[in-house]
């Protein structure tokens, strides 16, 4: 097990360190990232991972110094195919485990469905608003279109996760040309909540 501590620094000052564990270097099969959240009143570790071999992942997650199964944990954006493994390990460790939300993956390949470019970032500004100021006015379509075009122009893939229960957002993204990838779904899980 190889380990490194990465200090991630944001524009607002220092962020908590991220501990990154890998199975081997440089041929990686598993990467596990652990970051302490900044909520001082209810600290929680955020855990995410990349995996090409489920057996190696199982071995690594059972190591005491990789994941502290007694701590309050949040597994972020985990492929649902790993849910049985996480439930099994948390059960073996005497930890409670629950799904926080399930999401669908949508990606954009056809940019013709986006709003035209006259809805550029020059028309947006940030201010304090409540729901009555923004609902039904098309701001979300304009913002998503603007961001999607900008990301695409910079060479990034354009995709999003939408919670399964969020029919309004799902419809918005589908109407803008996003296509669901039925082969992938992700979940956010809480452990020792």
C-alpha atoms as a PDB file:
ATOM      1  CA  UNK A   1       0.000   0.000   0.000  1.00  0.00           C
ATOM      2  CA  UNK A   2       1.422   3.345  -1.073  1.00  0.00           C
ATOM      3  CA  UNK A   3       0.140   6.520   0.528  1.00  0.00           C
ATOM      4  CA  UNK A   4       0.587  10.205  -0.049  1.00  0.00           C
ATOM      5  CA  UNK A   5      -0.939  13.259   1.569  1.00  0.00           C
ATOM      6  CA  UNK A   6      -2.007  15.965  -0.834  1.00  0.00           C
ATOM      7  CA  UNK A   7      -2.687  19.424   0.450  1.00  0.00           C
ATOM      8  CA  UNK A   8      -5.401  20.904  -1.724  1.00  0.00           C
ATOM      9  CA  UNK A   9      -5.506  24.668  -1.643  1.00  0.00           C
ATOM     10  CA  UNK A  10      -8.516  26.648  -2.821  1.00  0.00           C
ATOM     11  CA  UNK A  11      -9.031  30.321  -3.479  1.00  0.00           C
ATOM     12  CA  UNK A  12     -10.635  30.851  -0.065  1.00  0.00           C
ATOM     13  CA  UNK A  13      -7.597  29.664   1.893  1.00  0.00           C
ATOM     14  CA  UNK A  14      -6.376  26.292   2.962  1.00  0.00           C
ATOM     15  CA  UNK A  15      -8.456  23.151   2.664  1.00  0.00           C
ATOM     16  CA  UNK A  16      -8.133  20.025   4.792  1.00  0.00           C
ATOM     17  CA  UNK A  17      -5.520  17.598   3.489  1.00  0.00           C
ATOM     18  CA  UNK A  18      -6.579  14.740   1.256  1.00  0.00           C
ATOM     19  CA  UNK A  19      -5.039  11.361   1.989  1.00  0.00           C
ATOM     20  CA  UNK A  20      -4.613   9.347  -1.198  1.00  0.00           C
ATOM     21  CA  UNK A  21      -3.959   5.608  -0.993  1.00  0.00           C
ATOM     22  CA  UNK A  22      -3.045   3.483  -4.018  1.00  0.00           C
ATOM     23  CA  UNK A  23      -2.439  -0.234  -4.399  1.00  0.00           C
ATOM     24  CA  UNK A  24       0.740   0.049  -6.524  1.00  0.00           C
ATOM     25  CA  UNK A  25       2.789   2.637  -8.321  1.00  0.00           C
ATOM     26  CA  UNK A  26       2.734   3.465 -11.212  1.00  0.00           C
ATOM     27  CA  UNK A  27       0.372   0.629 -12.311  1.00  0.00           C
ATOM     28  CA  UNK A  28      -2.723   1.665 -10.370  1.00  0.00           C
ATOM     29  CA  UNK A  29      -5.709  -0.629  -9.898  1.00  0.00           C
ATOM     30  CA  UNK A  30      -7.237   1.221  -6.949  1.00  0.00           C
ATOM     31  CA  UNK A  31      -7.054   4.811  -5.713  1.00  0.00           C
ATOM     32  CA  UNK A  32      -8.825   5.767  -2.461  1.00  0.00           C
ATOM     33  CA  UNK A  33      -9.128   9.466  -1.512  1.00  0.00           C
ATOM     34  CA  UNK A  34     -10.135  10.597   1.973  1.00  0.00           C
ATOM     35  CA  UNK A  35     -10.778  14.221   2.962  1.00  0.00           C
ATOM     36  CA  UNK A  36     -12.044  15.635   6.254  1.00  0.00           C
ATOM     37  CA  UNK A  37     -14.996  17.956   5.638  1.00  0.00           C
ATOM     38  CA  UNK A  38     -14.858  21.493   6.982  1.00  0.00           C
ATOM     39  CA  UNK A  39     -18.019  21.202   9.088  1.00  0.00           C
ATOM     40  CA  UNK A  40     -16.555  21.583  12.602  1.00  0.00           C
ATOM     41  CA  UNK A  41     -19.811  20.779  14.433  1.00  0.00           C
ATOM     42  CA  UNK A  42     -20.304  17.424  12.671  1.00  0.00           C
ATOM     43  CA  UNK A  43     -16.986  16.367  11.138  1.00  0.00           C
ATOM     44  CA  UNK A  44     -17.280  13.778   8.424  1.00  0.00           C
ATOM     45  CA  UNK A  45     -14.689  12.184   6.182  1.00  0.00           C
ATOM     46  CA  UNK A  46     -15.474  12.161   2.480  1.00  0.00           C
ATOM     47  CA  UNK A  47     -14.275   9.004   0.739  1.00  0.00           C
ATOM     48  CA  UNK A  48     -14.121   8.415  -2.995  1.00  0.00           C
ATOM     49  CA  UNK A  49     -12.286   5.867  -5.079  1.00  0.00           C
ATOM     50  CA  UNK A  50     -11.297   4.722  -8.542  1.00  0.00           C
ATOM     51  CA  UNK A  51     -11.216   0.970  -9.035  1.00  0.00           C
ATOM     52  CA  UNK A  52     -10.229  -1.462 -11.766  1.00  0.00           C
ATOM     53  CA  UNK A  53     -10.125  -4.554  -9.520  1.00  0.00           C
ATOM     54  CA  UNK A  54     -12.875  -5.127  -6.950  1.00  0.00           C
ATOM     55  CA  UNK A  55     -10.860  -7.734  -5.011  1.00  0.00           C
ATOM     56  CA  UNK A  56      -7.975  -5.292  -4.483  1.00  0.00           C
ATOM     57  CA  UNK A  57     -10.484  -2.602  -3.489  1.00  0.00           C
ATOM     58  CA  UNK A  58     -12.014  -4.954  -0.921  1.00  0.00           C
ATOM     59  CA  UNK A  59      -8.583  -5.691   0.564  1.00  0.00           C
ATOM     60  CA  UNK A  60      -7.617  -2.012   0.720  1.00  0.00           C
ATOM     61  CA  UNK A  61     -10.911  -0.853   2.269  1.00  0.00           C
ATOM     62  CA  UNK A  62     -10.453  -3.408   5.054  1.00  0.00           C
ATOM     63  CA  UNK A  63      -7.080  -1.944   6.079  1.00  0.00           C
ATOM     64  CA  UNK A  64      -7.453   0.091   9.276  1.00  0.00           C
ATOM     65  CA  UNK A  65      -5.294   2.988   8.127  1.00  0.00           C
ATOM     66  CA  UNK A  66      -7.091   3.514   4.794  1.00  0.00           C
ATOM     67  CA  UNK A  67     -10.675   4.020   6.023  1.00  0.00           C
ATOM     68  CA  UNK A  68     -11.641   4.518   9.659  1.00  0.00           C
ATOM     69  CA  UNK A  69     -14.931   2.605   9.768  1.00  0.00           C
ATOM     70  CA  UNK A  70     -15.692   3.986  13.238  1.00  0.00           C
ATOM     71  CA  UNK A  71     -15.748   7.572  11.927  1.00  0.00           C
ATOM     72  CA  UNK A  72     -18.658   9.401  10.336  1.00  0.00           C
ATOM     73  CA  UNK A  73     -18.083   8.808   6.617  1.00  0.00           C
ATOM     74  CA  UNK A  74     -19.590  10.010   3.367  1.00  0.00           C
ATOM     75  CA  UNK A  75     -18.854   7.912   0.275  1.00  0.00           C
ATOM     76  CA  UNK A  76     -19.188  10.345  -2.614  1.00  0.00           C
ATOM     77  CA  UNK A  77     -20.341   9.462  -6.118  1.00  0.00           C
ATOM     78  CA  UNK A  78     -19.714   5.732  -5.839  1.00  0.00           C
ATOM     79  CA  UNK A  79     -20.689   3.445  -8.725  1.00  0.00           C
ATOM     80  CA  UNK A  80     -23.739   1.486  -7.529  1.00  0.00           C
ATOM     81  CA  UNK A  81     -22.082  -1.788  -8.510  1.00  0.00           C
ATOM     82  CA  UNK A  82     -19.852  -1.372  -5.415  1.00  0.00           C
ATOM     83  CA  UNK A  83     -22.772  -0.934  -3.000  1.00  0.00           C
ATOM     84  CA  UNK A  84     -22.889  -4.620  -1.922  1.00  0.00           C
ATOM     85  CA  UNK A  85     -19.144  -4.539  -1.163  1.00  0.00           C
ATOM     86  CA  UNK A  86     -19.425  -1.353   0.917  1.00  0.00           C
ATOM     87  CA  UNK A  87     -22.464  -2.669   2.802  1.00  0.00           C
ATOM     88  CA  UNK A  88     -20.646  -5.944   3.524  1.00  0.00           C
ATOM     89  CA  UNK A  89     -17.472  -4.272   4.833  1.00  0.00           C
ATOM     90  CA  UNK A  90     -19.426  -1.765   6.952  1.00  0.00           C
ATOM     91  CA  UNK A  91     -21.465  -4.640   8.414  1.00  0.00           C
ATOM     92  CA  UNK A  92     -18.287  -6.596   9.230  1.00  0.00           C
ATOM     93  CA  UNK A  93     -16.922  -3.482  10.960  1.00  0.00           C
ATOM     94  CA  UNK A  94     -20.128  -2.901  12.943  1.00  0.00           C
ATOM     95  CA  UNK A  95     -20.889   0.353  11.124  1.00  0.00           C
ATOM     96  CA  UNK A  96     -24.306   1.641  10.089  1.00  0.00           C
ATOM     97  CA  UNK A  97     -24.666   2.314   6.374  1.00  0.00           C
ATOM     98  CA  UNK A  98     -27.397   4.057   4.328  1.00  0.00           C
ATOM     99  CA  UNK A  99     -27.934   5.477   0.889  1.00  0.00           C
ATOM    100  CA  UNK A 100     -28.155   9.261   0.848  1.00  0.00           C
ATOM    101  CA  UNK A 101     -29.148   9.564  -2.805  1.00  0.00           C
ATOM    102  CA  UNK A 102     -28.932   7.770  -6.139  1.00  0.00           C
ATOM    103  CA  UNK A 103     -28.087   9.563  -9.339  1.00  0.00           C
ATOM    104  CA  UNK A 104     -28.280   9.133 -13.084  1.00  0.00           C
ATOM    105  CA  UNK A 105     -25.400  10.023 -15.379  1.00  0.00           C
ATOM    106  CA  UNK A 106     -26.285  12.170 -18.387  1.00  0.00           C
ATOM    107  CA  UNK A 107     -23.852  13.385 -21.016  1.00  0.00           C
ATOM    108  CA  UNK A 108     -24.095  15.841 -23.897  1.00  0.00           C
ATOM    109  CA  UNK A 109     -22.962  14.911 -27.386  1.00  0.00           C
ATOM    110  CA  UNK A 110     -25.290  17.062 -29.520  1.00  0.00           C
ATOM    111  CA  UNK A 111     -24.859  20.752 -28.765  1.00  0.00           C
ATOM    112  CA  UNK A 112     -27.609  21.886 -31.171  1.00  0.00           C
ATOM    113  CA  UNK A 113     -30.285  21.526 -28.463  1.00  0.00           C
ATOM    114  CA  UNK A 114     -28.608  24.105 -26.235  1.00  0.00           C
ATOM    115  CA  UNK A 115     -29.819  27.683 -26.186  1.00  0.00           C
ATOM    116  CA  UNK A 116     -28.136  29.925 -28.779  1.00  0.00           C
ATOM    117  CA  UNK A 117     -24.872  31.671 -27.939  1.00  0.00           C
ATOM    118  CA  UNK A 118     -26.467  35.087 -27.405  1.00  0.00           C
ATOM    119  CA  UNK A 119     -27.138  33.754 -23.890  1.00  0.00           C
ATOM    120  CA  UNK A 120     -23.491  34.214 -22.944  1.00  0.00           C
ATOM    121  CA  UNK A 121     -21.819  34.589 -19.566  1.00  0.00           C
ATOM    122  CA  UNK A 122     -21.916  38.363 -20.075  1.00  0.00           C
ATOM    123  CA  UNK A 123     -25.648  38.222 -19.256  1.00  0.00           C
ATOM    124  CA  UNK A 124     -25.223  36.540 -15.882  1.00  0.00           C
ATOM    125  CA  UNK A 125     -24.417  37.893 -12.481  1.00  0.00           C
ATOM    126  CA  UNK A 126     -24.606  36.441  -9.004  1.00  0.00           C
ATOM    127  CA  UNK A 127     -26.986  37.897  -6.465  1.00  0.00           C
ATOM    128  CA  UNK A 128     -29.183  36.797  -3.608  1.00  0.00           C
ATOM    129  CA  UNK A 129     -32.472  35.406  -4.911  1.00  0.00           C
ATOM    130  CA  UNK A 130     -35.325  33.287  -3.661  1.00  0.00           C
ATOM    131  CA  UNK A 131     -37.293  30.682  -5.648  1.00  0.00           C
ATOM    132  CA  UNK A 132     -39.969  33.136  -6.755  1.00  0.00           C
ATOM    133  CA  UNK A 133     -37.320  35.220  -8.568  1.00  0.00           C
ATOM    134  CA  UNK A 134     -36.030  32.376 -10.710  1.00  0.00           C
ATOM    135  CA  UNK A 135     -38.582  29.578 -11.151  1.00  0.00           C
ATOM    136  CA  UNK A 136     -39.944  29.169 -14.666  1.00  0.00           C
ATOM    137  CA  UNK A 137     -37.949  32.007 -16.198  1.00  0.00           C
ATOM    138  CA  UNK A 138     -35.455  29.869 -18.179  1.00  0.00           C
ATOM    139  CA  UNK A 139     -32.388  30.882 -16.168  1.00  0.00           C
ATOM    140  CA  UNK A 140     -31.350  27.267 -15.554  1.00  0.00           C
ATOM    141  CA  UNK A 141     -31.507  26.488 -19.298  1.00  0.00           C
ATOM    142  CA  UNK A 142     -29.458  29.579 -20.090  1.00  0.00           C
ATOM    143  CA  UNK A 143     -26.884  28.832 -17.402  1.00  0.00           C
ATOM    144  CA  UNK A 144     -26.496  25.150 -18.337  1.00  0.00           C
ATOM    145  CA  UNK A 145     -26.247  26.056 -22.036  1.00  0.00           C
ATOM    146  CA  UNK A 146     -23.599  28.674 -21.338  1.00  0.00           C
ATOM    147  CA  UNK A 147     -21.557  26.393 -19.117  1.00  0.00           C
ATOM    148  CA  UNK A 148     -21.863  23.414 -21.502  1.00  0.00           C
ATOM    149  CA  UNK A 149     -20.669  25.471 -24.477  1.00  0.00           C
ATOM    150  CA  UNK A 150     -17.788  26.903 -22.465  1.00  0.00           C
ATOM    151  CA  UNK A 151     -16.656  23.490 -21.181  1.00  0.00           C
ATOM    152  CA  UNK A 152     -16.946  21.976 -24.662  1.00  0.00           C
ATOM    153  CA  UNK A 153     -14.929  24.845 -26.183  1.00  0.00           C
ATOM    154  CA  UNK A 154     -12.183  24.137 -23.632  1.00  0.00           C
ATOM    155  CA  UNK A 155     -12.113  20.472 -24.647  1.00  0.00           C
ATOM    156  CA  UNK A 156     -13.859  19.032 -21.576  1.00  0.00           C
ATOM    157  CA  UNK A 157     -16.558  16.361 -21.746  1.00  0.00           C
ATOM    158  CA  UNK A 158     -19.951  17.695 -20.708  1.00  0.00           C
ATOM    159  CA  UNK A 159     -21.866  15.501 -18.281  1.00  0.00           C
ATOM    160  CA  UNK A 160     -23.875  15.723 -15.090  1.00  0.00           C
ATOM    161  CA  UNK A 161     -25.369  13.644 -12.315  1.00  0.00           C
ATOM    162  CA  UNK A 162     -29.056  14.132 -11.546  1.00  0.00           C
ATOM    163  CA  UNK A 163     -30.682  12.644  -8.461  1.00  0.00           C
ATOM    164  CA  UNK A 164     -33.248  10.007  -9.431  1.00  0.00           C
ATOM    165  CA  UNK A 165     -36.008  11.824  -7.536  1.00  0.00           C
ATOM    166  CA  UNK A 166     -35.343  15.163  -9.243  1.00  0.00           C
ATOM    167  CA  UNK A 167     -37.737  14.960 -12.208  1.00  0.00           C
ATOM    168  CA  UNK A 168     -37.539  18.716 -12.895  1.00  0.00           C
ATOM    169  CA  UNK A 169     -33.750  18.722 -13.359  1.00  0.00           C
ATOM    170  CA  UNK A 170     -33.872  15.472 -15.334  1.00  0.00           C
ATOM    171  CA  UNK A 171     -36.402  17.011 -17.758  1.00  0.00           C
ATOM    172  CA  UNK A 172     -34.297  20.193 -18.053  1.00  0.00           C
ATOM    173  CA  UNK A 173     -31.156  18.285 -19.042  1.00  0.00           C
ATOM    174  CA  UNK A 174     -33.034  15.920 -21.405  1.00  0.00           C
ATOM    175  CA  UNK A 175     -34.640  18.937 -23.143  1.00  0.00           C
ATOM    176  CA  UNK A 176     -31.168  20.435 -23.631  1.00  0.00           C
ATOM    177  CA  UNK A 177     -29.981  17.289 -25.427  1.00  0.00           C
ATOM    178  CA  UNK A 178     -28.333  15.385 -22.579  1.00  0.00           C
ATOM    179  CA  UNK A 179     -28.557  11.598 -22.962  1.00  0.00           C
ATOM    180  CA  UNK A 180     -28.759   9.187 -20.031  1.00  0.00           C
ATOM    181  CA  UNK A 181     -26.073   6.510 -19.765  1.00  0.00           C
ATOM    182  CA  UNK A 182     -28.051   3.528 -18.419  1.00  0.00           C
ATOM    183  CA  UNK A 183     -24.857   1.526 -17.829  1.00  0.00           C
ATOM    184  CA  UNK A 184     -23.779   3.779 -14.951  1.00  0.00           C
ATOM    185  CA  UNK A 185     -25.452   5.056 -11.827  1.00  0.00           C
ATOM    186  CA  UNK A 186     -23.819   6.480  -8.753  1.00  0.00           C
ATOM    187  CA  UNK A 187     -24.792   6.882  -5.132  1.00  0.00           C
ATOM    188  CA  UNK A 188     -23.793   8.921  -2.128  1.00  0.00           C
ATOM    189  CA  UNK A 189     -23.623   6.805   1.042  1.00  0.00           C
ATOM    190  CA  UNK A 190     -23.358   7.719   4.693  1.00  0.00           C
ATOM    191  CA  UNK A 191     -21.675   5.518   7.239  1.00  0.00           C
ATOM    192  CA  UNK A 192     -22.110   6.002  11.008  1.00  0.00           C
ATOM    193  CA  UNK A 193     -24.567   8.850  10.440  1.00  0.00           C
END
